[in-house]
Amino acid sequence: MAVRFVKIASPDPVIDYVTQAIRAQLDAGRPVLWFISGGSCIAPETQIAHNLRTSHTANMDKLEISLTDERPGPVGHADSNAKQLHDVDFPIPFHAILDHGNPRSQARKFDQFLEQAFAKDPFCIGLLGIGPDGHTAGIPHAQAPASDELAAYYVVRDFSRVSMTPRAIARLDEAVVYAMGQAKLPALEMLTRDIPISEQSAQALKQSAHVVVFNDVKGECI
């Protein structure tokens, strides 16, 4: 799988790209499953959601949105992706992963949600980040290939996430990555090489049908 790198100076191109991709599928009448991330992806995701709501996009009832991963803890805890999205008034309901159960039961319920969502044969698109260490969607490298499920509870030392797995990432029609900053360059360079997912979980992105990486340090300029 070839990865397309696109060099940008602002988040506007990734906002336009994802907005147009989702709108085209909805206007054609196809269900869409859109995965959203936390961190630096929150601002562009929120603008995309506003664009879809205010631009007369057809068939908005066919749009389903889910987090890619979540930090374990009480519902609404300050570090949760869901809380941070709610704090910026993300305008469309989404599957939030956390409930009042323990992380393992949350992972099982997330897995069941994904099974049901994928069964609708949607167009699947994810807006994901890549950490400076090369992880994506909260998947730690050493455990990335360990689960055959669509969701799992990952724990490595002081790092823990309830996350979609590489098997779920492989279901994406579009893996759109937003990775800004010079600190991300080593991880992006690693992504150009074919190495095991156990060494860089972002390698799982190559299992999706199409991968484009919007960043400010590498690739064609637009």
N, C-alpha and C. Protein backbone atom coordinates (compact mmCIF):
# COMPACT_ATOMS: atom_id res chain seq x y z
N MET A 1 0.84 -1.19 0.00
CA MET A 1 0.00 0.00 0.00
C MET A 1 0.87 1.24 0.00
N ALA A 2 0.76 2.08 -1.03
CA ALA A 2 1.48 3.34 -1.09
C ALA A 2 0.76 4.37 -0.24
N VAL A 3 1.53 5.13 0.51
CA VAL A 3 0.98 6.19 1.35
C VAL A 3 1.25 7.52 0.66
N ARG A 4 0.22 8.31 0.50
CA ARG A 4 0.37 9.64 -0.10
C ARG A 4 0.61 10.67 0.99
N PHE A 5 1.71 11.41 0.87
CA PHE A 5 2.03 12.47 1.81
C PHE A 5 1.74 13.82 1.17
N VAL A 6 0.97 14.64 1.86
CA VAL A 6 0.59 15.95 1.35
C VAL A 6 1.03 17.01 2.37
N LYS A 7 1.86 17.94 1.91
CA LYS A 7 2.39 18.98 2.79
C LYS A 7 1.46 20.17 2.79
N ILE A 8 1.06 20.59 3.99
CA ILE A 8 0.10 21.69 4.13
C ILE A 8 0.63 22.70 5.15
N ALA A 9 0.08 23.92 5.08
CA ALA A 9 0.48 24.97 6.00
C ALA A 9 -0.60 25.28 7.03
N SER A 10 -1.80 24.71 6.84
CA SER A 10 -2.91 24.93 7.77
C SER A 10 -3.81 23.71 7.71
N PRO A 11 -4.74 23.59 8.64
CA PRO A 11 -5.64 22.43 8.59
C PRO A 11 -6.71 22.51 7.51
N ASP A 12 -6.80 23.60 6.80
CA ASP A 12 -7.89 23.78 5.82
C ASP A 12 -7.95 22.67 4.77
N PRO A 13 -6.83 22.23 4.18
CA PRO A 13 -6.93 21.16 3.16
C PRO A 13 -7.50 19.85 3.71
N VAL A 14 -7.12 19.47 4.94
CA VAL A 14 -7.66 18.22 5.49
C VAL A 14 -9.13 18.38 5.82
N ILE A 15 -9.53 19.56 6.27
CA ILE A 15 -10.95 19.82 6.52
C ILE A 15 -11.75 19.70 5.24
N ASP A 16 -11.26 20.31 4.17
CA ASP A 16 -11.96 20.25 2.89
C ASP A 16 -12.01 18.82 2.36
N TYR A 17 -10.89 18.09 2.48
CA TYR A 17 -10.80 16.73 1.94
C TYR A 17 -11.82 15.81 2.61
N VAL A 18 -11.85 15.82 3.92
CA VAL A 18 -12.75 14.92 4.65
C VAL A 18 -14.20 15.35 4.47
N THR A 19 -14.45 16.65 4.51
CA THR A 19 -15.81 17.14 4.29
C THR A 19 -16.34 16.66 2.95
N GLN A 20 -15.55 16.82 1.90
CA GLN A 20 -16.00 16.45 0.56
C GLN A 20 -16.17 14.95 0.42
N ALA A 21 -15.27 14.17 1.04
CA ALA A 21 -15.37 12.72 0.95
C ALA A 21 -16.65 12.21 1.61
N ILE A 22 -16.96 12.73 2.78
CA ILE A 22 -18.17 12.30 3.49
C ILE A 22 -19.41 12.79 2.76
N ARG A 23 -19.40 14.05 2.35
CA ARG A 23 -20.57 14.62 1.67
C ARG A 23 -20.89 13.85 0.39
N ALA A 24 -19.87 13.48 -0.39
CA ALA A 24 -20.11 12.78 -1.65
C ALA A 24 -20.81 11.45 -1.41
N GLN A 25 -20.39 10.72 -0.37
CA GLN A 25 -21.00 9.42 -0.09
C GLN A 25 -22.43 9.58 0.42
N LEU A 26 -22.66 10.54 1.31
CA LEU A 26 -24.00 10.77 1.83
C LEU A 26 -24.95 11.24 0.72
N ASP A 27 -24.46 12.12 -0.13
CA ASP A 27 -25.31 12.61 -1.23
C ASP A 27 -25.67 11.49 -2.19
N ALA A 28 -24.78 10.48 -2.27
CA ALA A 28 -25.06 9.31 -3.13
C ALA A 28 -25.97 8.30 -2.44
N GLY A 29 -26.29 8.56 -1.18
CA GLY A 29 -27.21 7.68 -0.45
C GLY A 29 -26.55 6.55 0.29
N ARG A 30 -25.22 6.54 0.39
CA ARG A 30 -24.52 5.45 1.08
C ARG A 30 -24.29 5.80 2.54
N PRO A 31 -24.48 4.86 3.46
CA PRO A 31 -24.14 5.12 4.86
C PRO A 31 -22.65 5.40 5.01
N VAL A 32 -22.33 6.25 5.98
CA VAL A 32 -20.94 6.61 6.26
C VAL A 32 -20.66 6.35 7.73
N LEU A 33 -19.53 5.70 8.00
CA LEU A 33 -19.02 5.52 9.36
C LEU A 33 -17.73 6.32 9.45
N TRP A 34 -17.76 7.39 10.24
CA TRP A 34 -16.63 8.31 10.35
C TRP A 34 -15.99 8.15 11.74
N PHE A 35 -14.71 7.80 11.76
CA PHE A 35 -13.97 7.67 13.00
C PHE A 35 -13.23 8.98 13.30
N ILE A 36 -13.37 9.45 14.53
CA ILE A 36 -12.72 10.69 14.94
C ILE A 36 -11.76 10.42 16.09
N SER A 37 -10.72 11.25 16.17
CA SER A 37 -9.68 11.08 17.17
C SER A 37 -9.67 12.27 18.13
N GLY A 38 -8.80 12.16 19.14
CA GLY A 38 -8.62 13.27 20.06
C GLY A 38 -7.41 14.11 19.69
N GLY A 39 -6.91 14.85 20.66
CA GLY A 39 -5.70 15.64 20.47
C GLY A 39 -5.84 16.71 19.40
N SER A 40 -4.82 16.79 18.54
CA SER A 40 -4.78 17.84 17.53
C SER A 40 -5.84 17.68 16.45
N CYS A 41 -6.46 16.50 16.39
CA CYS A 41 -7.51 16.28 15.38
C CYS A 41 -8.84 16.91 15.77
N ILE A 42 -9.01 17.30 17.03
CA ILE A 42 -10.31 17.77 17.51
C ILE A 42 -10.77 19.01 16.76
N ALA A 43 -9.88 19.98 16.58
CA ALA A 43 -10.28 21.23 15.92
C ALA A 43 -10.74 21.00 14.48
N PRO A 44 -9.95 20.30 13.62
CA PRO A 44 -10.44 20.07 12.26
C PRO A 44 -11.68 19.19 12.22
N GLU A 45 -11.78 18.19 13.10
CA GLU A 45 -12.98 17.35 13.12
C GLU A 45 -14.23 18.17 13.42
N THR A 46 -14.10 19.07 14.36
CA THR A 46 -15.25 19.89 14.74
C THR A 46 -15.68 20.79 13.59
N GLN A 47 -14.71 21.34 12.86
CA GLN A 47 -15.05 22.17 11.71
C GLN A 47 -15.70 21.33 10.61
N ILE A 48 -15.21 20.13 10.39
CA ILE A 48 -15.82 19.23 9.40
C ILE A 48 -17.28 18.97 9.76
N ALA A 49 -17.54 18.67 11.03
CA ALA A 49 -18.91 18.40 11.47
C ALA A 49 -19.81 19.61 11.26
N HIS A 50 -19.29 20.80 11.56
CA HIS A 50 -20.07 22.02 11.32
C HIS A 50 -20.33 22.20 9.82
N ASN A 51 -19.32 21.92 9.00
CA ASN A 51 -19.50 22.04 7.54
C ASN A 51 -20.62 21.13 7.05
N LEU A 52 -20.63 19.90 7.54
CA LEU A 52 -21.64 18.94 7.09
C LEU A 52 -23.04 19.37 7.54
N ARG A 53 -23.14 19.92 8.73
CA ARG A 53 -24.46 20.31 9.26
C ARG A 53 -25.02 21.55 8.59
N THR A 54 -24.15 22.46 8.14
CA THR A 54 -24.61 23.76 7.65
C THR A 54 -24.61 23.89 6.14
N SER A 55 -24.22 22.83 5.42
CA SER A 55 -24.08 22.96 3.97
C SER A 55 -25.13 22.14 3.21
N HIS A 56 -26.22 21.81 3.87
CA HIS A 56 -27.32 21.09 3.22
C HIS A 56 -26.88 19.74 2.65
N THR A 57 -25.93 19.09 3.35
CA THR A 57 -25.54 17.75 2.95
C THR A 57 -26.74 16.81 3.08
N ALA A 58 -26.99 16.02 2.04
CA ALA A 58 -28.13 15.11 2.04
C ALA A 58 -27.88 13.92 2.96
N ASN A 59 -28.96 13.30 3.42
CA ASN A 59 -28.90 12.01 4.12
C ASN A 59 -28.02 12.02 5.36
N MET A 60 -28.07 13.11 6.13
CA MET A 60 -27.26 13.17 7.35
C MET A 60 -27.64 12.07 8.34
N ASP A 61 -28.85 11.54 8.22
CA ASP A 61 -29.26 10.45 9.11
C ASP A 61 -28.48 9.17 8.83
N LYS A 62 -27.77 9.11 7.70
CA LYS A 62 -26.96 7.93 7.37
C LYS A 62 -25.52 8.06 7.86
N LEU A 63 -25.21 9.15 8.56
CA LEU A 63 -23.86 9.37 9.08
C LEU A 63 -23.77 8.88 10.52
N GLU A 64 -22.85 7.94 10.77
CA GLU A 64 -22.58 7.44 12.11
C GLU A 64 -21.13 7.79 12.44
N ILE A 65 -20.91 8.28 13.65
CA ILE A 65 -19.58 8.75 14.06
C ILE A 65 -19.15 8.01 15.32
N SER A 66 -17.88 7.63 15.36
CA SER A 66 -17.34 6.95 16.53
C SER A 66 -15.93 7.46 16.83
N LEU A 67 -15.61 7.52 18.10
CA LEU A 67 -14.21 7.70 18.48
C LEU A 67 -13.38 6.51 18.03
N THR A 68 -12.11 6.75 17.75
CA THR A 68 -11.18 5.67 17.45
C THR A 68 -10.70 4.99 18.72
N ASP A 69 -10.55 5.78 19.80
CA ASP A 69 -9.98 5.25 21.03
C ASP A 69 -10.33 6.19 22.18
N GLU A 70 -10.08 5.70 23.38
CA GLU A 70 -10.39 6.50 24.56
C GLU A 70 -9.45 6.14 25.71
N ARG A 71 -9.17 7.14 26.53
CA ARG A 71 -8.39 6.92 27.75
C ARG A 71 -9.32 6.41 28.84
N PRO A 72 -9.01 5.28 29.45
CA PRO A 72 -9.89 4.76 30.50
C PRO A 72 -10.04 5.74 31.66
N GLY A 73 -11.17 5.65 32.33
CA GLY A 73 -11.46 6.50 33.47
C GLY A 73 -12.95 6.72 33.59
N PRO A 74 -13.39 7.51 34.56
CA PRO A 74 -14.81 7.77 34.71
C PRO A 74 -15.37 8.50 33.48
N VAL A 75 -16.64 8.28 33.21
CA VAL A 75 -17.29 8.98 32.11
C VAL A 75 -17.13 10.49 32.32
N GLY A 76 -16.64 11.19 31.28
CA GLY A 76 -16.48 12.64 31.37
C GLY A 76 -15.21 13.11 32.03
N HIS A 77 -14.25 12.19 32.29
CA HIS A 77 -13.01 12.65 32.94
C HIS A 77 -12.26 13.60 32.02
N ALA A 78 -11.47 14.48 32.62
CA ALA A 78 -10.90 15.63 31.90
C ALA A 78 -10.01 15.24 30.73
N ASP A 79 -9.34 14.08 30.80
CA ASP A 79 -8.43 13.67 29.74
C ASP A 79 -9.11 12.84 28.65
N SER A 80 -10.41 12.60 28.78
CA SER A 80 -11.08 11.75 27.79
C SER A 80 -11.30 12.52 26.49
N ASN A 81 -11.20 11.81 25.38
CA ASN A 81 -11.46 12.44 24.08
C ASN A 81 -12.90 12.94 24.00
N ALA A 82 -13.83 12.16 24.56
CA ALA A 82 -15.24 12.57 24.52
C ALA A 82 -15.45 13.89 25.23
N LYS A 83 -14.86 14.04 26.42
CA LYS A 83 -15.02 15.30 27.19
C LYS A 83 -14.44 16.47 26.41
N GLN A 84 -13.29 16.28 25.79
CA GLN A 84 -12.66 17.38 25.06
C GLN A 84 -13.48 17.75 23.82
N LEU A 85 -14.12 16.77 23.18
CA LEU A 85 -14.99 17.08 22.05
C LEU A 85 -16.26 17.80 22.52
N HIS A 86 -16.82 17.36 23.62
CA HIS A 86 -17.99 18.06 24.17
C HIS A 86 -17.65 19.49 24.57
N ASP A 87 -16.44 19.70 25.09
CA ASP A 87 -16.04 21.03 25.53
C ASP A 87 -15.94 22.02 24.38
N VAL A 88 -15.69 21.54 23.16
CA VAL A 88 -15.63 22.44 21.99
C VAL A 88 -16.94 22.40 21.21
N ASP A 89 -17.98 21.83 21.81
CA ASP A 89 -19.31 21.79 21.20
C ASP A 89 -19.32 21.07 19.86
N PHE A 90 -18.71 19.89 19.82
CA PHE A 90 -18.81 19.07 18.62
C PHE A 90 -20.29 18.88 18.31
N PRO A 91 -20.73 19.23 17.10
CA PRO A 91 -22.17 19.42 16.87
C PRO A 91 -23.00 18.20 16.48
N ILE A 92 -22.38 17.01 16.39
CA ILE A 92 -23.10 15.82 15.95
C ILE A 92 -22.87 14.71 16.99
N PRO A 93 -23.88 13.96 17.38
CA PRO A 93 -23.67 12.86 18.34
C PRO A 93 -22.67 11.84 17.81
N PHE A 94 -21.92 11.23 18.74
CA PHE A 94 -20.94 10.21 18.35
C PHE A 94 -20.89 9.12 19.41
N HIS A 95 -20.37 7.94 19.00
CA HIS A 95 -20.19 6.83 19.93
C HIS A 95 -18.98 7.13 20.80
N ALA A 96 -19.19 7.19 22.12
CA ALA A 96 -18.18 7.72 23.01
C ALA A 96 -17.34 6.68 23.74
N ILE A 97 -17.60 5.40 23.62
CA ILE A 97 -16.81 4.28 24.17
C ILE A 97 -16.95 4.13 25.68
N LEU A 98 -16.64 5.17 26.46
CA LEU A 98 -16.68 5.03 27.91
C LEU A 98 -18.10 4.88 28.42
N ASP A 99 -18.25 3.98 29.40
CA ASP A 99 -19.48 3.90 30.16
C ASP A 99 -19.06 3.62 31.61
N HIS A 100 -19.98 3.18 32.44
CA HIS A 100 -19.65 2.99 33.85
C HIS A 100 -19.08 1.60 34.15
N GLY A 101 -18.78 0.83 33.12
CA GLY A 101 -18.15 -0.47 33.31
C GLY A 101 -16.64 -0.34 33.38
N ASN A 102 -15.96 -1.47 33.47
CA ASN A 102 -14.49 -1.45 33.48
C ASN A 102 -13.97 -1.43 32.04
N PRO A 103 -12.68 -1.13 31.83
CA PRO A 103 -12.16 -1.01 30.47
C PRO A 103 -12.33 -2.25 29.61
N ARG A 104 -12.23 -3.42 30.19
CA ARG A 104 -12.38 -4.64 29.39
C ARG A 104 -13.82 -4.80 28.90
N SER A 105 -14.78 -4.48 29.74
CA SER A 105 -16.17 -4.56 29.29
C SER A 105 -16.47 -3.45 28.27
N GLN A 106 -15.84 -2.29 28.43
CA GLN A 106 -15.99 -1.22 27.44
C GLN A 106 -15.44 -1.66 26.09
N ALA A 107 -14.31 -2.35 26.10
CA ALA A 107 -13.73 -2.84 24.85
C ALA A 107 -14.65 -3.86 24.19
N ARG A 108 -15.27 -4.74 24.99
CA ARG A 108 -16.20 -5.72 24.42
C ARG A 108 -17.40 -5.02 23.79
N LYS A 109 -17.93 -4.01 24.46
CA LYS A 109 -19.08 -3.29 23.92
C LYS A 109 -18.69 -2.49 22.68
N PHE A 110 -17.49 -1.93 22.68
CA PHE A 110 -17.01 -1.21 21.49
C PHE A 110 -16.86 -2.17 20.32
N ASP A 111 -16.35 -3.36 20.59
CA ASP A 111 -16.23 -4.38 19.55
C ASP A 111 -17.60 -4.72 18.97
N GLN A 112 -18.61 -4.87 19.83
CA GLN A 112 -19.97 -5.18 19.37
C GLN A 112 -20.54 -4.03 18.55
N PHE A 113 -20.29 -2.79 19.00
CA PHE A 113 -20.74 -1.63 18.23
C PHE A 113 -20.14 -1.64 16.83
N LEU A 114 -18.84 -1.92 16.74
CA LEU A 114 -18.16 -1.91 15.44
C LEU A 114 -18.68 -3.03 14.54
N GLU A 115 -18.89 -4.21 15.10
CA GLU A 115 -19.46 -5.31 14.31
C GLU A 115 -20.78 -4.88 13.68
N GLN A 116 -21.65 -4.27 14.47
CA GLN A 116 -22.95 -3.84 13.97
C GLN A 116 -22.82 -2.70 12.96
N ALA A 117 -21.91 -1.77 13.22
CA ALA A 117 -21.72 -0.64 12.31
C ALA A 117 -21.17 -1.09 10.97
N PHE A 118 -20.18 -1.98 10.98
CA PHE A 118 -19.60 -2.47 9.73
C PHE A 118 -20.60 -3.31 8.94
N ALA A 119 -21.53 -3.96 9.64
CA ALA A 119 -22.52 -4.81 8.96
C ALA A 119 -23.45 -4.01 8.07
N LYS A 120 -23.52 -2.70 8.26
CA LYS A 120 -24.37 -1.84 7.43
C LYS A 120 -23.72 -1.50 6.10
N ASP A 121 -22.51 -2.02 5.86
CA ASP A 121 -21.74 -1.77 4.64
C ASP A 121 -21.57 -0.27 4.38
N PRO A 122 -21.06 0.46 5.37
CA PRO A 122 -20.87 1.90 5.16
C PRO A 122 -19.57 2.21 4.43
N PHE A 123 -19.48 3.43 3.93
CA PHE A 123 -18.19 3.99 3.54
C PHE A 123 -17.50 4.36 4.83
N CYS A 124 -16.31 3.80 5.07
CA CYS A 124 -15.61 4.00 6.33
C CYS A 124 -14.43 4.95 6.14
N ILE A 125 -14.42 6.02 6.90
CA ILE A 125 -13.35 6.99 6.81
C ILE A 125 -12.91 7.36 8.22
N GLY A 126 -11.62 7.48 8.42
CA GLY A 126 -11.10 7.86 9.73
C GLY A 126 -10.18 9.05 9.62
N LEU A 127 -10.31 9.98 10.55
CA LEU A 127 -9.35 11.07 10.68
C LEU A 127 -8.52 10.76 11.93
N LEU A 128 -7.28 10.37 11.71
CA LEU A 128 -6.43 9.87 12.77
C LEU A 128 -5.17 10.70 12.89
N GLY A 129 -4.56 10.65 14.06
CA GLY A 129 -3.27 11.26 14.27
C GLY A 129 -2.18 10.20 14.31
N ILE A 130 -0.94 10.66 14.33
CA ILE A 130 0.22 9.80 14.57
C ILE A 130 1.06 10.48 15.64
N GLY A 131 1.40 9.75 16.69
CA GLY A 131 2.26 10.31 17.72
C GLY A 131 3.71 10.37 17.28
N PRO A 132 4.53 11.19 17.93
CA PRO A 132 5.95 11.24 17.58
C PRO A 132 6.63 9.88 17.66
N ASP A 133 6.09 8.97 18.48
CA ASP A 133 6.67 7.63 18.57
C ASP A 133 6.12 6.69 17.50
N GLY A 134 5.17 7.16 16.69
CA GLY A 134 4.65 6.35 15.60
C GLY A 134 3.40 5.56 15.93
N HIS A 135 2.77 5.80 17.07
CA HIS A 135 1.53 5.08 17.37
C HIS A 135 0.34 5.83 16.76
N THR A 136 -0.72 5.10 16.50
CA THR A 136 -1.95 5.70 16.01
C THR A 136 -3.14 5.06 16.71
N ALA A 137 -4.22 5.82 16.86
CA ALA A 137 -5.47 5.34 17.46
C ALA A 137 -5.27 4.71 18.82
N GLY A 138 -4.28 5.16 19.57
CA GLY A 138 -4.07 4.62 20.90
C GLY A 138 -3.56 3.19 20.94
N ILE A 139 -3.03 2.68 19.83
CA ILE A 139 -2.55 1.30 19.77
C ILE A 139 -1.05 1.29 20.06
N PRO A 140 -0.62 0.67 21.15
CA PRO A 140 0.82 0.59 21.42
C PRO A 140 1.48 -0.43 20.51
N HIS A 141 2.71 -0.17 20.13
CA HIS A 141 3.39 -1.00 19.12
C HIS A 141 3.47 -2.47 19.52
N ALA A 142 3.94 -2.75 20.71
CA ALA A 142 4.22 -4.14 21.08
C ALA A 142 2.98 -5.02 21.06
N GLN A 143 1.79 -4.41 21.29
CA GLN A 143 0.59 -5.21 21.37
C GLN A 143 -0.30 -5.07 20.14
N ALA A 144 0.13 -4.31 19.15
CA ALA A 144 -0.73 -4.02 18.02
C ALA A 144 -1.31 -5.25 17.34
N PRO A 145 -0.54 -6.32 17.08
CA PRO A 145 -1.12 -7.47 16.37
C PRO A 145 -1.81 -8.48 17.28
N ALA A 146 -1.92 -8.18 18.60
CA ALA A 146 -2.29 -9.23 19.55
C ALA A 146 -3.75 -9.63 19.48
N SER A 147 -4.63 -8.76 18.99
CA SER A 147 -6.06 -9.03 19.06
C SER A 147 -6.65 -9.26 17.69
N ASP A 148 -7.53 -10.27 17.60
CA ASP A 148 -8.30 -10.50 16.38
C ASP A 148 -9.65 -9.78 16.43
N GLU A 149 -9.90 -9.07 17.52
CA GLU A 149 -11.16 -8.34 17.67
C GLU A 149 -11.08 -6.99 16.98
N LEU A 150 -12.23 -6.33 16.88
CA LEU A 150 -12.28 -5.00 16.29
C LEU A 150 -11.93 -3.93 17.31
N ALA A 151 -12.02 -4.25 18.60
CA ALA A 151 -11.67 -3.32 19.66
C ALA A 151 -10.98 -4.09 20.77
N ALA A 152 -10.12 -3.41 21.52
CA ALA A 152 -9.36 -4.08 22.58
C ALA A 152 -8.98 -3.08 23.65
N TYR A 153 -8.68 -3.60 24.82
CA TYR A 153 -8.13 -2.79 25.92
C TYR A 153 -6.63 -3.05 25.94
N TYR A 154 -5.85 -2.03 25.62
CA TYR A 154 -4.40 -2.14 25.56
C TYR A 154 -3.77 -1.55 26.82
N VAL A 155 -2.84 -2.27 27.41
CA VAL A 155 -2.10 -1.78 28.57
C VAL A 155 -0.63 -2.12 28.38
N VAL A 156 0.21 -1.09 28.34
CA VAL A 156 1.66 -1.29 28.28
C VAL A 156 2.28 -0.30 29.26
N ARG A 157 2.82 -0.83 30.35
CA ARG A 157 3.40 0.00 31.41
C ARG A 157 2.37 1.05 31.87
N ASP A 158 2.67 2.35 31.70
CA ASP A 158 1.75 3.39 32.17
C ASP A 158 0.83 3.89 31.05
N PHE A 159 0.79 3.16 29.93
CA PHE A 159 -0.03 3.55 28.78
C PHE A 159 -1.22 2.61 28.70
N SER A 160 -2.44 3.15 28.66
CA SER A 160 -3.62 2.31 28.50
C SER A 160 -4.64 3.01 27.62
N ARG A 161 -5.30 2.23 26.78
CA ARG A 161 -6.33 2.74 25.89
C ARG A 161 -7.37 1.66 25.62
N VAL A 162 -8.62 2.07 25.45
CA VAL A 162 -9.63 1.25 24.81
C VAL A 162 -9.69 1.75 23.37
N SER A 163 -9.38 0.88 22.43
CA SER A 163 -9.15 1.35 21.06
C SER A 163 -9.66 0.36 20.02
N MET A 164 -9.95 0.89 18.83
CA MET A 164 -10.09 0.03 17.67
C MET A 164 -8.76 -0.66 17.43
N THR A 165 -8.78 -1.81 16.80
CA THR A 165 -7.58 -2.60 16.55
C THR A 165 -7.14 -2.48 15.09
N PRO A 166 -5.97 -3.00 14.75
CA PRO A 166 -5.58 -3.03 13.34
C PRO A 166 -6.61 -3.70 12.44
N ARG A 167 -7.31 -4.72 12.96
CA ARG A 167 -8.36 -5.37 12.17
C ARG A 167 -9.46 -4.37 11.81
N ALA A 168 -9.80 -3.47 12.72
CA ALA A 168 -10.81 -2.44 12.42
C ALA A 168 -10.26 -1.40 11.46
N ILE A 169 -9.01 -1.00 11.65
CA ILE A 169 -8.40 -0.03 10.74
C ILE A 169 -8.38 -0.57 9.32
N ALA A 170 -8.21 -1.88 9.17
CA ALA A 170 -8.20 -2.50 7.84
C ALA A 170 -9.53 -2.36 7.12
N ARG A 171 -10.60 -2.04 7.84
CA ARG A 171 -11.91 -1.87 7.23
C ARG A 171 -12.12 -0.47 6.65
N LEU A 172 -11.17 0.43 6.87
CA LEU A 172 -11.33 1.79 6.39
C LEU A 172 -11.17 1.87 4.87
N ASP A 173 -12.09 2.60 4.23
CA ASP A 173 -11.93 2.95 2.82
C ASP A 173 -10.97 4.11 2.67
N GLU A 174 -10.94 5.00 3.65
CA GLU A 174 -10.04 6.15 3.65
C GLU A 174 -9.45 6.31 5.04
N ALA A 175 -8.13 6.21 5.15
CA ALA A 175 -7.44 6.56 6.38
C ALA A 175 -6.78 7.91 6.14
N VAL A 176 -7.32 8.94 6.76
CA VAL A 176 -6.81 10.30 6.59
C VAL A 176 -6.07 10.67 7.87
N VAL A 177 -4.79 10.99 7.72
CA VAL A 177 -3.94 11.28 8.87
C VAL A 177 -3.65 12.77 8.91
N TYR A 178 -3.72 13.35 10.11
CA TYR A 178 -3.36 14.75 10.33
C TYR A 178 -2.24 14.76 11.35
N ALA A 179 -1.03 15.11 10.89
CA ALA A 179 0.16 15.00 11.74
C ALA A 179 1.05 16.22 11.50
N MET A 180 0.94 17.20 12.37
CA MET A 180 1.67 18.46 12.20
C MET A 180 2.83 18.55 13.18
N GLY A 181 3.92 19.18 12.73
CA GLY A 181 5.05 19.44 13.60
C GLY A 181 6.29 18.65 13.22
N GLN A 182 7.45 19.27 13.38
CA GLN A 182 8.72 18.64 13.05
C GLN A 182 8.94 17.38 13.87
N ALA A 183 8.37 17.31 15.05
CA ALA A 183 8.57 16.13 15.90
C ALA A 183 7.97 14.87 15.29
N LYS A 184 7.04 15.05 14.33
CA LYS A 184 6.40 13.88 13.72
C LYS A 184 7.20 13.31 12.55
N LEU A 185 8.22 14.05 12.08
CA LEU A 185 8.95 13.62 10.88
C LEU A 185 9.55 12.22 11.01
N PRO A 186 10.23 11.86 12.12
CA PRO A 186 10.76 10.48 12.20
C PRO A 186 9.68 9.42 12.06
N ALA A 187 8.51 9.65 12.66
CA ALA A 187 7.42 8.68 12.55
C ALA A 187 6.92 8.59 11.12
N LEU A 188 6.85 9.73 10.42
CA LEU A 188 6.39 9.73 9.02
C LEU A 188 7.41 9.03 8.13
N GLU A 189 8.69 9.23 8.40
CA GLU A 189 9.72 8.54 7.62
C GLU A 189 9.63 7.03 7.85
N MET A 190 9.35 6.60 9.08
CA MET A 190 9.17 5.17 9.35
C MET A 190 7.98 4.62 8.57
N LEU A 191 6.96 5.44 8.39
CA LEU A 191 5.76 4.99 7.70
C LEU A 191 6.04 4.71 6.22
N THR A 192 7.10 5.28 5.67
CA THR A 192 7.44 5.01 4.27
C THR A 192 8.09 3.63 4.10
N ARG A 193 8.50 3.02 5.21
CA ARG A 193 9.15 1.71 5.17
C ARG A 193 8.14 0.64 5.58
N ASP A 194 8.36 -0.56 5.09
CA ASP A 194 7.52 -1.69 5.48
C ASP A 194 8.16 -2.40 6.66
N ILE A 195 7.65 -2.11 7.84
CA ILE A 195 8.15 -2.71 9.07
C ILE A 195 6.96 -3.31 9.82
N PRO A 196 7.19 -4.19 10.77
CA PRO A 196 6.08 -4.82 11.48
C PRO A 196 5.24 -3.83 12.28
N ILE A 197 3.96 -4.10 12.39
CA ILE A 197 3.08 -3.29 13.22
C ILE A 197 3.56 -3.30 14.66
N SER A 198 4.20 -4.38 15.07
CA SER A 198 4.70 -4.46 16.45
C SER A 198 5.79 -3.43 16.72
N GLU A 199 6.41 -2.88 15.66
CA GLU A 199 7.44 -1.86 15.82
C GLU A 199 6.89 -0.45 15.62
N GLN A 200 5.80 -0.31 14.89
CA GLN A 200 5.14 0.98 14.69
C GLN A 200 3.68 0.72 14.38
N SER A 201 2.81 1.05 15.32
CA SER A 201 1.41 0.69 15.12
C SER A 201 0.78 1.43 13.94
N ALA A 202 1.35 2.59 13.56
CA ALA A 202 0.82 3.32 12.41
C ALA A 202 0.95 2.53 11.11
N GLN A 203 1.78 1.49 11.09
CA GLN A 203 1.85 0.63 9.91
C GLN A 203 0.50 0.00 9.60
N ALA A 204 -0.36 -0.12 10.61
CA ALA A 204 -1.70 -0.68 10.40
C ALA A 204 -2.51 0.14 9.42
N LEU A 205 -2.20 1.42 9.29
CA LEU A 205 -2.93 2.27 8.35
C LEU A 205 -2.82 1.75 6.93
N LYS A 206 -1.72 1.08 6.61
CA LYS A 206 -1.51 0.58 5.25
C LYS A 206 -2.46 -0.56 4.89
N GLN A 207 -3.16 -1.10 5.88
CA GLN A 207 -4.13 -2.15 5.60
C GLN A 207 -5.46 -1.58 5.10
N SER A 208 -5.67 -0.29 5.25
CA SER A 208 -6.89 0.34 4.74
C SER A 208 -6.78 0.51 3.23
N ALA A 209 -7.90 0.84 2.60
CA ALA A 209 -7.93 0.89 1.14
C ALA A 209 -7.12 2.05 0.57
N HIS A 210 -7.08 3.16 1.29
CA HIS A 210 -6.38 4.35 0.79
C HIS A 210 -5.89 5.15 1.98
N VAL A 211 -4.64 5.64 1.91
CA VAL A 211 -4.04 6.39 3.01
C VAL A 211 -3.47 7.70 2.48
N VAL A 212 -3.87 8.81 3.11
CA VAL A 212 -3.28 10.11 2.79
C VAL A 212 -2.89 10.77 4.10
N VAL A 213 -1.65 11.28 4.14
CA VAL A 213 -1.11 11.87 5.36
C VAL A 213 -0.91 13.37 5.12
N PHE A 214 -1.74 14.18 5.75
CA PHE A 214 -1.60 15.63 5.70
C PHE A 214 -0.66 16.06 6.82
N ASN A 215 0.41 16.78 6.45
CA ASN A 215 1.41 17.18 7.43
C ASN A 215 2.13 18.42 6.93
N ASP A 216 3.01 18.96 7.74
CA ASP A 216 3.70 20.20 7.35
C ASP A 216 5.20 20.01 7.15
N VAL A 217 5.66 18.74 7.00
CA VAL A 217 7.09 18.52 6.87
C VAL A 217 7.48 17.64 5.69
N LYS A 218 6.52 16.97 5.04
CA LYS A 218 6.90 15.97 4.04
C LYS A 218 5.83 15.83 2.98
N GLY A 219 6.27 15.71 1.70
CA GLY A 219 5.34 15.36 0.63
C GLY A 219 5.08 16.47 -0.35
N GLU A 220 4.13 16.22 -1.26
CA GLU A 220 3.74 17.20 -2.26
C GLU A 220 3.05 18.37 -1.57
N CYS A 221 3.26 19.57 -2.08
CA CYS A 221 2.66 20.75 -1.49
C CYS A 221 1.35 21.11 -2.18
N ILE A 222 0.36 21.53 -1.41
CA ILE A 222 -0.89 22.02 -2.00
C ILE A 222 -1.28 23.32 -1.33
